[in-house]
């Protein structure tokens, strides 16, 4: 096995968890792996928002920019990855300038 990421992870990080969120006055259910919920919670904390509020703002931003959103869960997974990449790049840039 090349990177051995899975050997150090507990099964709970892969379990799918459904949560209800309110977006634009409507309640909807989002089903994501717990690792993504953890990332969204971290992201929300960094932004000073609740997780539900963060998701609602991301949803609004996606509609504003693209006019449609066919799969909220996929968008949230992608946002988590992009957020982690940007955070890593900022940290690398900070270390290079220190």
Foldseek 3Di string as FASTA:
>chain_A
DPPCPVVPDDCQQQDWDWDWAAAPNDIDIEIDRNVLVVLLCVVQVVVVHHSRVVLNVQVVVCCVVPVDDDHSNVSSVVVSVVVVVVVVVVVVVVVVVD
